Amino acid sequence: MQKEWWKEAVIYQIYPRSFKDSNGDKIGDIPGIIEKLDYLKDLGVDVVWLSPVYKSPNVDNGYDISDYKSVMEEFGTMEDLECLIREMHKRDLKLMMDIVVNHTSNQHEWFKKSCQPDEDNPYADFYIWRKGKDGGPPNNWGSFFGGSAWEYCEARKMYYLHMFAKEQPDLNWENPNVRHEVEQMMNWWMQKGVDGFRLDVINLIGKDQKFPDGKKQEGELYGDMIPFTHNMPQAHIYIKELNEKVFSKYPMITVGETLETTVEDGKKYSGFKEHELNMIFTFEHMNVDNGSNSKWSAERFKLSKLKSIMNRWQMGLQGNAWNSLYWNNHDQPRVVSRFGNDQEYWEKSAKMLGTCLHMMQGTPYIYQGEEIGMTNDYLEKIEDYEDIESLTSYYQRTEGMGEDPEYMFKCVQKKSRDNARTAMQWDDSEYAGFGDEGCWFTINPNYKTINVKNQINDAESIYSYYKKLIQLRKNYPIIVYGDFHPLYEESEKNYCYIRELGKEKLLVLCSFSEEEQLVELPDEFFGRKGITLISNYDKLIDLNNCIEDEKTVLLKAYEARVIYYN
């Protein structure tokens, strides 16, 4: 397998609004990030993924961009961003910007001009406009944030498409002038010194131009647009064009967020020979605890299902494309609350989940606070939430669809994107060290015990454990380039697998249970003595000390152990 720097990297995501406030306005900012660069360097990460800092009305927390070449005032200035790039490069850190090109804000100059009814308007087709049908929208599609995916514009007497909020109109990628503007903008940023892009919902840029009605599920108000908007052939054409005119010109990293993708889709987007993207974010494993028709479910995930999904991606992309490895990000609840145990086994399960992910084939991502085991913040009432998706879905489902408000609120507590957007917990001082005046959103009350200050000098902390995981990746090429072989796929208590590179092998054992369990050793390891590289229990346990007989290993509650054989 060809070696690439981005395969060997570990990436840290910063959600700037909630990371560090430097000026007392209760909003995290770019100078605050600069203050913490030494912290990121000490942790050992290689790349910082910065969620959008562009000028924006903030309807969707910066994912509604009104000017791609300006910095949102509350985050700082362009000079601040240029300083960030310089300071990161001084520390051998790379910057991956988050960019949204499926849609813009309705405050973008392109959209304002597109709304004008002039016959010779060069921006008329920058967005997707259609006439209504039967006195209503062009079709029955529903947006991801609730309501119709179409909004009427009085000035043009037409509807425009918005797959997300009505303030986020979709760009018309059929228009070559749109593609040219996007290409020019990306090249402009690369010349500024950034090192790559995370491309938000990039697989949605191609749409079925017939815009047919979607199938309506029982009880749903709107039809399904996914078959006509996701992973369409045009998307690959447009991404290849971006690769030719931007990506191939630089030693950069490109990561595509791709909703509703299959392994076969993944091979097309990130295939080594496809000339599109380096890797993609998939969501299948993030839907493992969904209910019958949506993410709004309070159900506990089933481990065998999670393993089935992740193993299929590991095996399917192996040798053909590259995986992105993540448990959480700005759109997902905290992993230790979701797949672990954020009470009695908080520390053990946080370390176990890190081990399980970082030992797989692919590039691992750490979301801010994951390295200290930050948890969900279970807010007390719906009015406490800020996330547009959570609020829209709650009211649509309770008031429009008759769902039980109490149950739906439990779902919001568990799944809301706001769980990821509480203030970074730096220390146990007032406001968790986030800023001197408080935070734009809430601060998890457990910051008194869960914070960087408490962990950074503790050799047994979650933070120190993550440092070890990152260093192991740099010391052992097998963790990056080794083949993946799953074990015990039907088990509901453990996630175990083998990594293999030449004569080297790693045995990865991860318990997802509060109960002790005996795990059978694969035949190939009988009678062989391995070296425990990392464990979330005792330091470098001799494997043989934990063997009940010659063929089994006793795993404690939420135990993780990685054994190296050569």
Protein backbone atom coordinates (compact mmCIF):
# COMPACT_ATOMS: atom_id res chain seq x y z
CA MET A 1 0.00 0.00 0.00
CA GLN A 2 1.32 3.43 -0.97
CA LYS A 3 2.34 5.56 1.98
CA GLU A 4 0.75 9.01 2.34
CA TRP A 5 1.16 11.59 5.08
CA TRP A 6 -2.59 11.92 5.56
CA LYS A 7 -2.92 8.18 6.17
CA GLU A 8 -0.44 8.44 9.04
CA ALA A 9 -1.93 11.60 10.54
CA VAL A 10 -4.20 12.03 13.56
CA ILE A 11 -6.74 14.83 13.14
CA TYR A 12 -8.25 17.01 15.87
CA GLN A 13 -11.52 18.84 15.23
CA ILE A 14 -12.12 22.27 16.71
CA TYR A 15 -15.60 23.73 16.93
CA PRO A 16 -14.35 27.30 17.42
CA ARG A 17 -17.43 28.79 19.06
CA SER A 18 -17.04 26.40 22.00
CA PHE A 19 -13.25 25.95 22.17
CA LYS A 20 -11.64 29.01 23.85
CA ASP A 21 -12.77 32.63 24.26
CA SER A 22 -9.91 35.14 24.30
CA ASN A 23 -11.78 38.47 24.54
CA GLY A 24 -14.62 37.97 27.02
CA ASP A 25 -17.55 38.04 24.57
CA LYS A 26 -18.53 34.46 25.57
CA ILE A 27 -17.72 33.13 22.08
CA GLY A 28 -14.69 31.03 21.24
CA ASP A 29 -12.41 32.64 18.68
CA ILE A 30 -9.28 32.25 16.56
CA PRO A 31 -6.92 33.97 19.05
CA GLY A 32 -8.25 31.50 21.64
CA ILE A 33 -7.24 28.62 19.36
CA ILE A 34 -3.77 30.13 18.95
CA GLU A 35 -3.45 30.16 22.76
CA LYS A 36 -3.99 26.39 22.80
CA LEU A 37 -1.74 25.30 19.93
CA ASP A 38 0.95 24.06 22.32
CA TYR A 39 -1.70 21.91 23.98
CA LEU A 40 -2.54 20.31 20.62
CA LYS A 41 1.15 19.83 19.84
CA ASP A 42 1.67 18.15 23.22
CA LEU A 43 -1.29 15.85 22.58
CA GLY A 44 0.50 14.73 19.42
CA VAL A 45 -2.04 15.43 16.69
CA ASP A 46 -0.92 16.38 13.18
CA VAL A 47 -3.87 18.18 11.60
CA VAL A 48 -6.49 20.57 12.98
CA TRP A 49 -9.89 20.46 11.32
CA LEU A 50 -11.44 23.86 11.90
CA SER A 51 -15.22 24.07 11.66
CA PRO A 52 -16.39 27.08 9.60
CA VAL A 53 -15.13 30.51 10.64
CA TYR A 54 -16.35 32.34 7.52
CA LYS A 55 -18.75 35.27 7.61
CA SER A 56 -22.20 33.88 8.41
CA PRO A 57 -25.57 34.87 9.91
CA ASN A 58 -25.16 31.76 12.08
CA VAL A 59 -28.52 30.17 11.41
CA ASP A 60 -26.72 26.82 11.38
CA ASN A 61 -23.66 27.66 13.47
CA GLY A 62 -21.51 28.79 10.58
CA TYR A 63 -22.56 26.16 8.05
CA ASP A 64 -24.51 28.91 6.29
CA ILE A 65 -21.73 30.93 4.68
CA SER A 66 -22.42 34.46 3.43
CA ASP A 67 -18.85 35.27 2.33
CA TYR A 68 -16.24 32.59 1.66
CA LYS A 69 -13.35 35.07 1.77
CA SER A 70 -14.18 36.83 5.03
CA VAL A 71 -13.91 35.79 8.68
CA MET A 72 -16.91 35.99 10.99
CA GLU A 73 -16.33 39.04 13.17
CA GLU A 74 -17.00 37.21 16.43
CA PHE A 75 -14.20 34.75 15.59
CA GLY A 76 -11.64 37.43 14.76
CA THR A 77 -10.12 38.85 11.60
CA MET A 78 -8.44 37.54 8.48
CA GLU A 79 -5.18 38.66 10.08
CA ASP A 80 -5.98 36.40 13.05
CA LEU A 81 -6.57 33.47 10.70
CA GLU A 82 -3.33 34.16 8.84
CA CYS A 83 -1.55 34.24 12.21
CA LEU A 84 -3.14 30.90 13.10
CA ILE A 85 -1.81 29.36 9.89
CA ARG A 86 1.72 30.69 10.58
CA GLU A 87 1.73 29.55 14.21
CA MET A 88 0.45 26.11 13.30
CA HIS A 89 3.09 25.65 10.64
CA LYS A 90 5.78 26.70 13.14
CA ARG A 91 4.67 23.72 15.22
CA ASP A 92 4.44 21.33 12.22
CA LEU A 93 0.66 21.33 12.51
CA LYS A 94 -1.55 21.44 9.41
CA LEU A 95 -4.85 23.27 9.01
CA MET A 96 -7.85 21.68 7.31
CA MET A 97 -10.63 24.18 6.70
CA ASP A 98 -14.28 23.15 6.78
CA ILE A 99 -15.98 24.34 3.61
CA VAL A 100 -19.64 24.20 2.54
CA VAL A 101 -20.27 24.30 -1.20
CA ASN A 102 -23.55 22.42 -1.53
CA HIS A 103 -25.30 25.56 -0.30
CA THR A 104 -24.67 29.06 0.94
CA SER A 105 -26.44 31.45 3.26
CA ASN A 106 -29.38 33.35 1.81
CA GLN A 107 -27.36 36.43 2.79
CA HIS A 108 -24.62 35.59 0.29
CA GLU A 109 -24.35 38.15 -2.50
CA TRP A 110 -24.83 35.40 -5.07
CA PHE A 111 -28.24 34.55 -3.64
CA LYS A 112 -29.32 38.16 -3.24
CA LYS A 113 -28.53 38.70 -6.93
CA SER A 114 -30.17 35.39 -7.87
CA CYS A 115 -33.44 36.59 -6.31
CA GLN A 116 -33.61 39.51 -8.72
CA PRO A 117 -36.11 38.91 -11.55
CA ASP A 118 -33.96 40.52 -14.31
CA GLU A 119 -34.08 38.55 -17.55
CA ASP A 120 -30.35 38.95 -18.16
CA ASN A 121 -29.34 38.25 -14.55
CA PRO A 122 -26.03 36.30 -14.67
CA TYR A 123 -26.78 34.89 -11.20
CA ALA A 124 -30.30 33.69 -12.05
CA ASP A 125 -29.20 30.04 -12.23
CA PHE A 126 -26.64 30.07 -9.40
CA TYR A 127 -29.26 28.33 -7.27
CA ILE A 128 -32.00 25.78 -7.95
CA TRP A 129 -35.21 27.55 -8.87
CA ARG A 130 -38.43 25.90 -9.95
CA LYS A 131 -42.04 26.94 -10.49
CA GLY A 132 -44.66 25.64 -8.05
CA LYS A 133 -47.07 22.78 -8.77
CA ASP A 134 -50.77 22.59 -7.94
CA GLY A 135 -50.58 25.74 -5.87
CA GLY A 136 -47.67 24.53 -3.76
CA PRO A 137 -43.97 23.59 -3.95
CA PRO A 138 -42.46 21.88 -7.02
CA ASN A 139 -42.42 18.48 -5.26
CA ASN A 140 -43.04 16.86 -1.87
CA TRP A 141 -39.46 16.79 -0.58
CA GLY A 142 -38.88 17.55 3.09
CA SER A 143 -35.74 19.28 4.34
CA PHE A 144 -33.38 17.69 6.87
CA PHE A 145 -34.23 20.42 9.36
CA GLY A 146 -37.99 19.98 9.06
CA GLY A 147 -40.66 21.41 6.79
CA SER A 148 -40.65 21.58 3.01
CA ALA A 149 -37.35 21.59 1.13
CA TRP A 150 -38.70 24.48 -0.98
CA GLU A 151 -39.18 28.13 -0.10
CA TYR A 152 -41.16 30.64 -2.15
CA CYS A 153 -39.47 33.84 -3.27
CA GLU A 154 -41.95 36.62 -3.95
CA ALA A 155 -39.50 38.63 -6.06
CA ARG A 156 -38.98 35.80 -8.59
CA LYS A 157 -42.40 34.15 -8.17
CA MET A 158 -40.58 30.84 -7.89
CA TYR A 159 -39.41 28.36 -5.29
CA TYR A 160 -35.78 27.66 -4.41
CA LEU A 161 -34.44 24.37 -3.04
CA HIS A 162 -32.94 24.17 0.44
CA MET A 163 -32.10 20.70 1.70
CA PHE A 164 -31.35 22.13 5.14
CA ALA A 165 -32.70 25.40 6.63
CA LYS A 166 -34.63 27.80 4.38
CA GLU A 167 -31.74 30.20 4.99
CA GLN A 168 -29.40 27.72 3.26
CA PRO A 169 -30.30 27.67 -0.46
CA ASP A 170 -28.66 24.94 -2.54
CA LEU A 171 -26.18 25.97 -5.22
CA ASN A 172 -26.84 24.83 -8.78
CA TRP A 173 -23.77 22.80 -9.69
CA GLU A 174 -25.18 22.26 -13.18
CA ASN A 175 -24.06 25.84 -13.83
CA PRO A 176 -20.36 25.91 -14.87
CA ASN A 177 -20.05 29.46 -13.50
CA VAL A 178 -20.89 28.15 -10.02
CA ARG A 179 -18.20 25.49 -10.31
CA HIS A 180 -15.68 28.07 -11.52
CA GLU A 181 -16.40 30.36 -8.56
CA VAL A 182 -15.97 27.49 -6.11
CA GLU A 183 -12.69 26.41 -7.74
CA GLN A 184 -11.33 29.95 -7.64
CA MET A 185 -12.30 30.31 -3.99
CA MET A 186 -10.62 27.05 -2.98
CA ASN A 187 -7.41 27.94 -4.82
CA TRP A 188 -7.48 31.31 -3.05
CA TRP A 189 -7.52 29.56 0.33
CA MET A 190 -4.77 27.13 -0.63
CA GLN A 191 -2.59 30.08 -1.62
CA LYS A 192 -3.31 31.51 1.83
CA GLY A 193 -1.48 28.49 3.23
CA VAL A 194 -4.21 26.14 4.40
CA ASP A 195 -3.45 22.44 4.01
CA GLY A 196 -6.76 21.02 2.86
CA PHE A 197 -10.52 20.93 3.12
CA ARG A 198 -13.25 18.99 4.84
CA LEU A 199 -16.09 19.30 2.34
CA ASP A 200 -19.49 19.44 3.99
CA VAL A 201 -22.25 17.24 2.45
CA ILE A 202 -20.25 17.11 -0.78
CA ASN A 203 -22.15 14.10 -2.13
CA LEU A 204 -25.31 16.22 -2.44
CA ILE A 205 -24.02 18.58 -5.11
CA GLY A 206 -25.58 16.52 -7.93
CA LYS A 207 -29.39 16.39 -8.15
CA ASP A 208 -31.85 14.59 -10.38
CA GLN A 209 -32.90 17.44 -12.65
CA LYS A 210 -36.41 16.04 -13.02
CA PHE A 211 -37.03 16.70 -9.30
CA PRO A 212 -39.66 13.95 -8.92
CA ASP A 213 -41.80 13.42 -5.81
CA GLY A 214 -40.25 11.21 -3.15
CA LYS A 215 -41.82 8.22 -1.43
CA LYS A 216 -43.67 9.10 1.78
CA GLN A 217 -43.29 6.81 4.79
CA GLU A 218 -46.34 6.17 6.92
CA GLY A 219 -46.80 9.01 9.36
CA GLU A 220 -44.33 11.31 7.59
CA LEU A 221 -45.36 14.70 6.25
CA TYR A 222 -42.91 14.84 3.35
CA GLY A 223 -41.46 12.61 0.67
CA ASP A 224 -37.94 11.17 0.67
CA MET A 225 -35.53 13.18 -1.46
CA ILE A 226 -32.49 10.97 -0.82
CA PRO A 227 -32.79 8.80 -3.99
CA PHE A 228 -32.70 11.97 -6.10
CA THR A 229 -30.09 14.05 -4.28
CA HIS A 230 -27.49 11.72 -2.75
CA ASN A 231 -24.58 10.10 -4.60
CA MET A 232 -25.87 10.99 -8.04
CA PRO A 233 -23.50 10.39 -11.00
CA GLN A 234 -23.09 14.16 -11.47
CA ALA A 235 -21.50 14.48 -8.03
CA HIS A 236 -18.55 12.34 -9.12
CA ILE A 237 -18.12 14.39 -12.28
CA TYR A 238 -18.02 17.62 -10.27
CA ILE A 239 -15.63 16.26 -7.63
CA LYS A 240 -13.25 14.94 -10.29
CA GLU A 241 -13.30 18.42 -11.78
CA LEU A 242 -12.45 19.91 -8.37
CA ASN A 243 -9.60 17.43 -8.07
CA GLU A 244 -8.22 18.38 -11.48
CA LYS A 245 -8.46 22.13 -10.95
CA VAL A 246 -7.66 22.36 -7.23
CA PHE A 247 -6.79 19.23 -5.23
CA SER A 248 -4.14 17.80 -7.56
CA LYS A 249 -2.18 21.05 -7.51
CA TYR A 250 -1.21 20.81 -3.82
CA PRO A 251 0.06 18.23 -1.27
CA MET A 252 -3.24 18.65 0.52
CA ILE A 253 -5.81 16.60 2.42
CA THR A 254 -9.42 16.30 1.25
CA VAL A 255 -12.18 14.72 3.30
CA GLY A 256 -15.74 14.54 2.05
CA GLU A 257 -18.78 14.38 4.31
CA THR A 258 -21.05 11.96 2.49
CA LEU A 259 -24.52 11.18 3.76
CA GLU A 260 -26.26 7.87 2.96
CA THR A 261 -23.26 6.23 1.31
CA THR A 262 -22.49 2.56 0.76
CA VAL A 263 -19.11 0.88 0.64
CA GLU A 264 -19.33 0.89 -3.15
CA ASP A 265 -20.00 4.63 -3.06
CA GLY A 266 -17.00 5.03 -0.78
CA LYS A 267 -14.73 3.28 -3.28
CA LYS A 268 -15.77 5.82 -5.90
CA TYR A 269 -15.31 8.90 -3.74
CA SER A 270 -12.02 7.92 -2.11
CA GLY A 271 -10.68 5.13 -4.31
CA PHE A 272 -6.92 5.27 -4.76
CA LYS A 273 -7.36 5.37 -8.55
CA GLU A 274 -10.48 7.55 -8.78
CA HIS A 275 -8.89 11.02 -8.41
CA GLU A 276 -11.64 12.45 -6.25
CA LEU A 277 -11.07 12.65 -2.45
CA ASN A 278 -8.53 11.23 0.01
CA MET A 279 -11.23 9.88 2.31
CA ILE A 280 -14.86 10.35 3.28
CA PHE A 281 -16.96 10.56 6.39
CA THR A 282 -19.62 7.87 6.40
CA PHE A 283 -22.64 7.89 8.68
CA GLU A 284 -23.86 4.34 8.71
CA HIS A 285 -22.32 3.56 12.11
CA MET A 286 -23.77 6.82 13.44
CA ASN A 287 -27.26 5.54 12.64
CA VAL A 288 -26.83 2.32 14.60
CA ASP A 289 -29.09 3.51 17.44
CA ASN A 290 -31.73 5.13 15.21
CA GLY A 291 -35.36 4.15 15.50
CA SER A 292 -37.48 2.77 12.70
CA ASN A 293 -37.56 6.00 10.74
CA SER A 294 -35.23 8.62 12.20
CA LYS A 295 -32.35 9.48 14.53
CA TRP A 296 -34.86 10.57 17.19
CA SER A 297 -34.83 7.40 19.22
CA ALA A 298 -33.87 6.67 22.81
CA GLU A 299 -32.93 3.08 21.98
CA ARG A 300 -29.60 1.61 23.08
CA PHE A 301 -27.35 0.53 20.23
CA LYS A 302 -26.73 -3.14 19.46
CA LEU A 303 -23.00 -3.94 19.42
CA SER A 304 -23.24 -6.68 16.79
CA LYS A 305 -24.89 -4.20 14.44
CA LEU A 306 -22.21 -1.58 15.08
CA LYS A 307 -19.48 -4.13 14.40
CA SER A 308 -21.17 -5.37 11.27
CA ILE A 309 -21.21 -1.86 9.83
CA MET A 310 -17.66 -0.90 10.78
CA ASN A 311 -16.20 -4.25 9.75
CA ARG A 312 -17.92 -4.03 6.38
CA TRP A 313 -16.30 -0.64 5.76
CA GLN A 314 -12.92 -1.84 7.00
CA MET A 315 -12.95 -4.90 4.77
CA GLY A 316 -14.65 -3.21 1.83
CA LEU A 317 -12.23 -0.28 1.50
CA GLN A 318 -9.12 -2.31 2.35
CA GLY A 319 -6.67 -2.04 -0.53
CA ASN A 320 -9.09 0.11 -2.53
CA ALA A 321 -9.73 3.31 -0.57
CA TRP A 322 -9.18 4.88 2.86
CA ASN A 323 -11.34 5.07 5.99
CA SER A 324 -12.03 8.05 8.21
CA LEU A 325 -12.28 6.86 11.81
CA TYR A 326 -14.50 8.83 14.16
CA TRP A 327 -16.89 8.39 17.07
CA ASN A 328 -18.09 11.95 17.44
CA ASN A 329 -17.96 15.42 15.92
CA HIS A 330 -19.91 18.69 16.03
CA ASP A 331 -23.02 16.88 14.77
CA GLN A 332 -22.92 13.86 17.07
CA PRO A 333 -23.49 13.29 20.79
CA ARG A 334 -20.54 12.41 23.02
CA VAL A 335 -19.32 8.88 22.42
CA VAL A 336 -18.71 7.94 26.06
CA SER A 337 -22.38 8.71 26.75
CA ARG A 338 -23.56 6.99 23.58
CA PHE A 339 -21.51 3.80 23.25
CA GLY A 340 -19.80 3.69 26.63
CA ASN A 341 -20.77 4.29 30.25
CA ASP A 342 -20.53 7.90 31.43
CA GLN A 343 -21.12 6.99 35.08
CA GLU A 344 -19.37 4.13 36.93
CA TYR A 345 -17.12 3.15 34.03
CA TRP A 346 -16.62 6.60 32.54
CA GLU A 347 -12.82 6.49 32.46
CA LYS A 348 -12.51 2.85 31.44
CA SER A 349 -15.07 3.07 28.66
CA ALA A 350 -13.64 6.34 27.30
CA LYS A 351 -10.21 4.72 27.01
CA MET A 352 -11.67 1.54 25.54
CA LEU A 353 -13.56 3.43 22.85
CA GLY A 354 -10.42 5.36 21.92
CA THR A 355 -8.48 2.10 21.62
CA CYS A 356 -11.12 0.38 19.54
CA LEU A 357 -11.17 3.21 17.01
CA HIS A 358 -7.50 4.19 16.82
CA MET A 359 -6.30 0.63 16.18
CA MET A 360 -8.41 0.28 13.02
CA GLN A 361 -7.23 0.98 9.48
CA GLY A 362 -7.88 4.59 8.55
CA THR A 363 -7.17 8.11 9.74
CA PRO A 364 -8.49 8.72 13.29
CA TYR A 365 -10.30 11.91 14.31
CA ILE A 366 -10.51 13.33 17.82
CA TYR A 367 -13.29 15.80 18.54
CA GLN A 368 -12.46 18.51 21.07
CA GLY A 369 -12.93 17.16 24.59
CA GLU A 370 -13.00 13.53 23.49
CA GLU A 371 -9.41 13.24 24.72
CA ILE A 372 -10.58 14.04 28.28
CA GLY A 373 -13.80 12.03 28.13
CA MET A 374 -16.32 14.86 27.93
CA THR A 375 -19.90 13.63 28.23
CA ASN A 376 -23.37 14.61 27.09
CA ASP A 377 -24.96 17.48 29.00
CA TYR A 378 -28.51 16.37 29.71
CA LEU A 379 -30.33 19.73 29.71
CA GLU A 380 -33.54 20.02 31.70
CA LYS A 381 -36.01 21.46 29.18
CA ILE A 382 -36.39 21.88 25.43
CA GLU A 383 -36.01 25.67 25.70
CA ASP A 384 -32.43 25.13 26.91
CA TYR A 385 -31.38 23.79 23.50
CA GLU A 386 -29.96 25.90 20.66
CA ASP A 387 -29.56 23.45 17.79
CA ILE A 388 -31.92 24.25 14.90
CA GLU A 389 -32.27 20.57 13.93
CA SER A 390 -33.20 19.51 17.47
CA LEU A 391 -35.75 22.28 17.98
CA THR A 392 -37.37 21.99 14.55
CA SER A 393 -37.63 18.20 14.82
CA TYR A 394 -38.99 18.33 18.38
CA TYR A 395 -41.83 20.72 17.55
CA GLN A 396 -42.61 19.12 14.19
CA ARG A 397 -42.87 15.66 15.76
CA THR A 398 -44.78 16.66 18.89
CA GLU A 399 -47.10 19.29 17.45
CA GLY A 400 -47.35 18.12 13.84
CA MET A 401 -47.12 14.36 14.19
CA GLY A 402 -48.54 13.77 17.66
CA GLU A 403 -45.47 12.13 19.18
CA ASP A 404 -45.15 12.00 22.97
CA PRO A 405 -43.34 15.19 24.14
CA GLU A 406 -41.69 13.43 27.09
CA TYR A 407 -40.25 10.66 24.91
CA MET A 408 -39.18 13.08 22.20
CA PHE A 409 -37.39 15.22 24.79
CA LYS A 410 -35.47 12.14 25.98
CA CYS A 411 -34.43 11.61 22.37
CA VAL A 412 -33.21 15.20 22.11
CA GLN A 413 -31.24 14.82 25.35
CA LYS A 414 -29.53 11.76 23.95
CA LYS A 415 -29.02 12.74 20.30
CA SER A 416 -28.97 16.54 20.02
CA ARG A 417 -26.01 18.09 18.27
CA ASP A 418 -25.84 20.48 21.22
CA ASN A 419 -24.21 17.69 23.23
CA ALA A 420 -21.06 18.32 21.23
CA ARG A 421 -21.26 22.10 21.48
CA THR A 422 -20.92 22.74 25.20
CA ALA A 423 -17.82 24.67 26.25
CA MET A 424 -14.45 22.92 26.18
CA GLN A 425 -13.55 22.05 29.77
CA TRP A 426 -10.07 23.41 30.39
CA ASP A 427 -10.02 23.62 34.18
CA ASP A 428 -12.19 23.70 37.31
CA SER A 429 -12.36 27.50 37.59
CA GLU A 430 -15.52 29.47 36.91
CA TYR A 431 -16.70 28.89 33.33
CA ALA A 432 -14.37 25.89 32.99
CA GLY A 433 -11.50 28.06 31.78
CA PHE A 434 -13.36 28.67 28.53
CA GLY A 435 -13.46 32.44 29.02
CA ASP A 436 -13.65 35.13 31.67
CA GLU A 437 -17.33 35.99 31.19
CA GLY A 438 -19.02 32.67 30.52
CA CYS A 439 -20.07 30.85 27.36
CA TRP A 440 -22.54 31.50 24.54
CA PHE A 441 -24.11 28.15 25.36
CA THR A 442 -24.05 25.95 28.43
CA ILE A 443 -21.14 24.50 30.38
CA ASN A 444 -21.49 20.90 31.49
CA PRO A 445 -21.69 20.92 35.33
CA ASN A 446 -19.20 18.03 35.50
CA TYR A 447 -16.37 20.36 34.40
CA LYS A 448 -15.24 20.50 38.05
CA THR A 449 -13.94 16.96 37.72
CA ILE A 450 -13.66 16.41 33.94
CA ASN A 451 -11.18 18.97 32.63
CA VAL A 452 -7.76 19.29 31.00
CA LYS A 453 -6.04 20.65 34.11
CA ASN A 454 -6.97 17.56 36.13
CA GLN A 455 -5.67 15.21 33.46
CA ILE A 456 -2.75 16.75 31.64
CA ASN A 457 -0.14 15.79 34.27
CA ASP A 458 -1.80 12.54 35.34
CA ALA A 459 -0.06 9.58 33.70
CA GLU A 460 -3.19 7.43 34.11
CA SER A 461 -5.72 9.96 32.74
CA ILE A 462 -7.78 9.69 29.57
CA TYR A 463 -5.70 12.52 28.11
CA SER A 464 -2.44 10.65 28.74
CA TYR A 465 -3.99 7.50 27.33
CA TYR A 466 -4.85 9.32 24.09
CA LYS A 467 -1.26 10.58 23.88
CA LYS A 468 -0.11 6.95 24.07
CA LEU A 469 -2.56 5.89 21.35
CA ILE A 470 -1.27 8.63 19.06
CA GLN A 471 2.37 7.78 19.74
CA LEU A 472 1.79 4.08 19.11
CA ARG A 473 0.43 4.97 15.70
CA LYS A 474 3.67 6.81 14.90
CA ASN A 475 5.86 3.99 16.25
CA TYR A 476 4.10 1.00 14.69
CA PRO A 477 3.35 1.13 10.93
CA ILE A 478 1.12 -1.92 11.35
CA ILE A 479 -1.49 0.33 13.03
CA VAL A 480 -1.63 2.50 9.89
CA TYR A 481 -1.04 0.04 7.07
CA GLY A 482 -1.87 -3.40 8.45
CA ASP A 483 -4.77 -5.43 7.07
CA PHE A 484 -7.90 -5.77 9.19
CA HIS A 485 -9.46 -9.10 10.19
CA PRO A 486 -12.60 -9.14 12.39
CA LEU A 487 -13.21 -11.62 15.21
CA TYR A 488 -16.34 -12.79 17.07
CA GLU A 489 -18.73 -10.71 14.97
CA GLU A 490 -21.85 -12.02 16.68
CA SER A 491 -20.76 -11.13 20.21
CA GLU A 492 -22.79 -8.46 22.04
CA LYS A 493 -20.09 -8.00 24.67
CA ASN A 494 -16.80 -7.44 22.86
CA TYR A 495 -15.25 -5.94 19.76
CA CYS A 496 -12.11 -7.83 18.80
CA TYR A 497 -10.01 -7.87 15.65
CA ILE A 498 -6.56 -8.60 14.24
CA ARG A 499 -4.26 -6.27 12.31
CA GLU A 500 -1.60 -7.85 10.12
CA LEU A 501 1.44 -6.47 8.25
CA GLY A 502 3.90 -9.01 6.96
CA LYS A 503 4.92 -11.19 9.94
CA GLU A 504 3.64 -8.66 12.47
CA LYS A 505 0.22 -8.98 14.10
CA LEU A 506 -1.86 -6.98 16.55
CA LEU A 507 -4.60 -8.56 18.62
CA VAL A 508 -7.10 -5.89 19.71
CA LEU A 509 -9.51 -6.85 22.51
CA CYS A 510 -12.22 -4.40 23.59
CA SER A 511 -15.01 -5.08 26.06
CA PHE A 512 -18.29 -3.21 25.66
CA SER A 513 -19.76 -4.80 28.78
CA GLU A 514 -19.90 -4.09 32.51
CA GLU A 515 -19.50 -7.82 33.11
CA GLU A 516 -16.26 -9.75 33.10
CA GLN A 517 -16.01 -12.12 30.17
CA LEU A 518 -13.82 -14.91 28.86
CA VAL A 519 -12.65 -14.36 25.30
CA GLU A 520 -11.28 -17.27 23.30
CA LEU A 521 -7.89 -16.69 21.70
CA PRO A 522 -7.60 -17.37 17.96
CA ASP A 523 -5.68 -20.59 17.27
CA GLU A 524 -2.78 -18.71 15.69
CA PHE A 525 -1.90 -17.16 19.05
CA PHE A 526 -1.78 -20.39 21.09
CA GLY A 527 1.57 -20.76 22.78
CA ARG A 528 2.85 -17.39 21.54
CA LYS A 529 3.96 -14.68 23.90
CA GLY A 530 2.91 -11.18 22.90
CA ILE A 531 3.74 -7.71 24.17
CA THR A 532 0.86 -5.65 25.53
CA LEU A 533 1.29 -2.26 23.88
CA ILE A 534 -1.52 -0.55 25.76
CA SER A 535 -4.23 -1.40 28.26
CA ASN A 536 -6.75 0.67 30.17
CA TYR A 537 -6.21 -1.43 33.29
CA ASP A 538 -2.75 -2.43 34.47
CA LYS A 539 0.39 -1.16 32.83
CA LEU A 540 1.75 -3.46 30.15
CA ILE A 541 0.17 -6.62 31.49
CA ASP A 542 1.87 -9.81 30.48
CA LEU A 543 -0.73 -11.55 28.35
CA ASN A 544 -0.13 -14.87 30.09
CA ASN A 545 -1.08 -13.40 33.46
CA CYS A 546 -4.63 -12.96 32.23
CA ILE A 547 -5.14 -16.33 30.60
CA GLU A 548 -7.61 -18.55 32.47
CA ASP A 549 -6.39 -21.48 30.48
CA GLU A 550 -4.26 -21.73 27.36
CA LYS A 551 -7.08 -20.66 25.09
CA THR A 552 -8.99 -17.86 26.83
CA VAL A 553 -8.43 -14.34 28.14
CA LEU A 554 -10.40 -12.75 30.96
CA LEU A 555 -11.57 -9.23 30.03
CA LYS A 556 -12.71 -6.95 32.82
CA ALA A 557 -15.50 -4.37 32.52
CA TYR A 558 -14.86 -2.12 29.52
CA GLU A 559 -11.31 -3.40 29.25
CA ALA A 560 -9.16 -2.65 26.22
CA ARG A 561 -5.94 -4.45 25.44
CA VAL A 562 -3.68 -4.41 22.39
CA ILE A 563 -1.11 -7.22 22.09
CA TYR A 564 1.72 -7.12 19.56
CA TYR A 565 3.20 -10.27 18.01
CA ASN A 566 6.27 -10.43 15.80
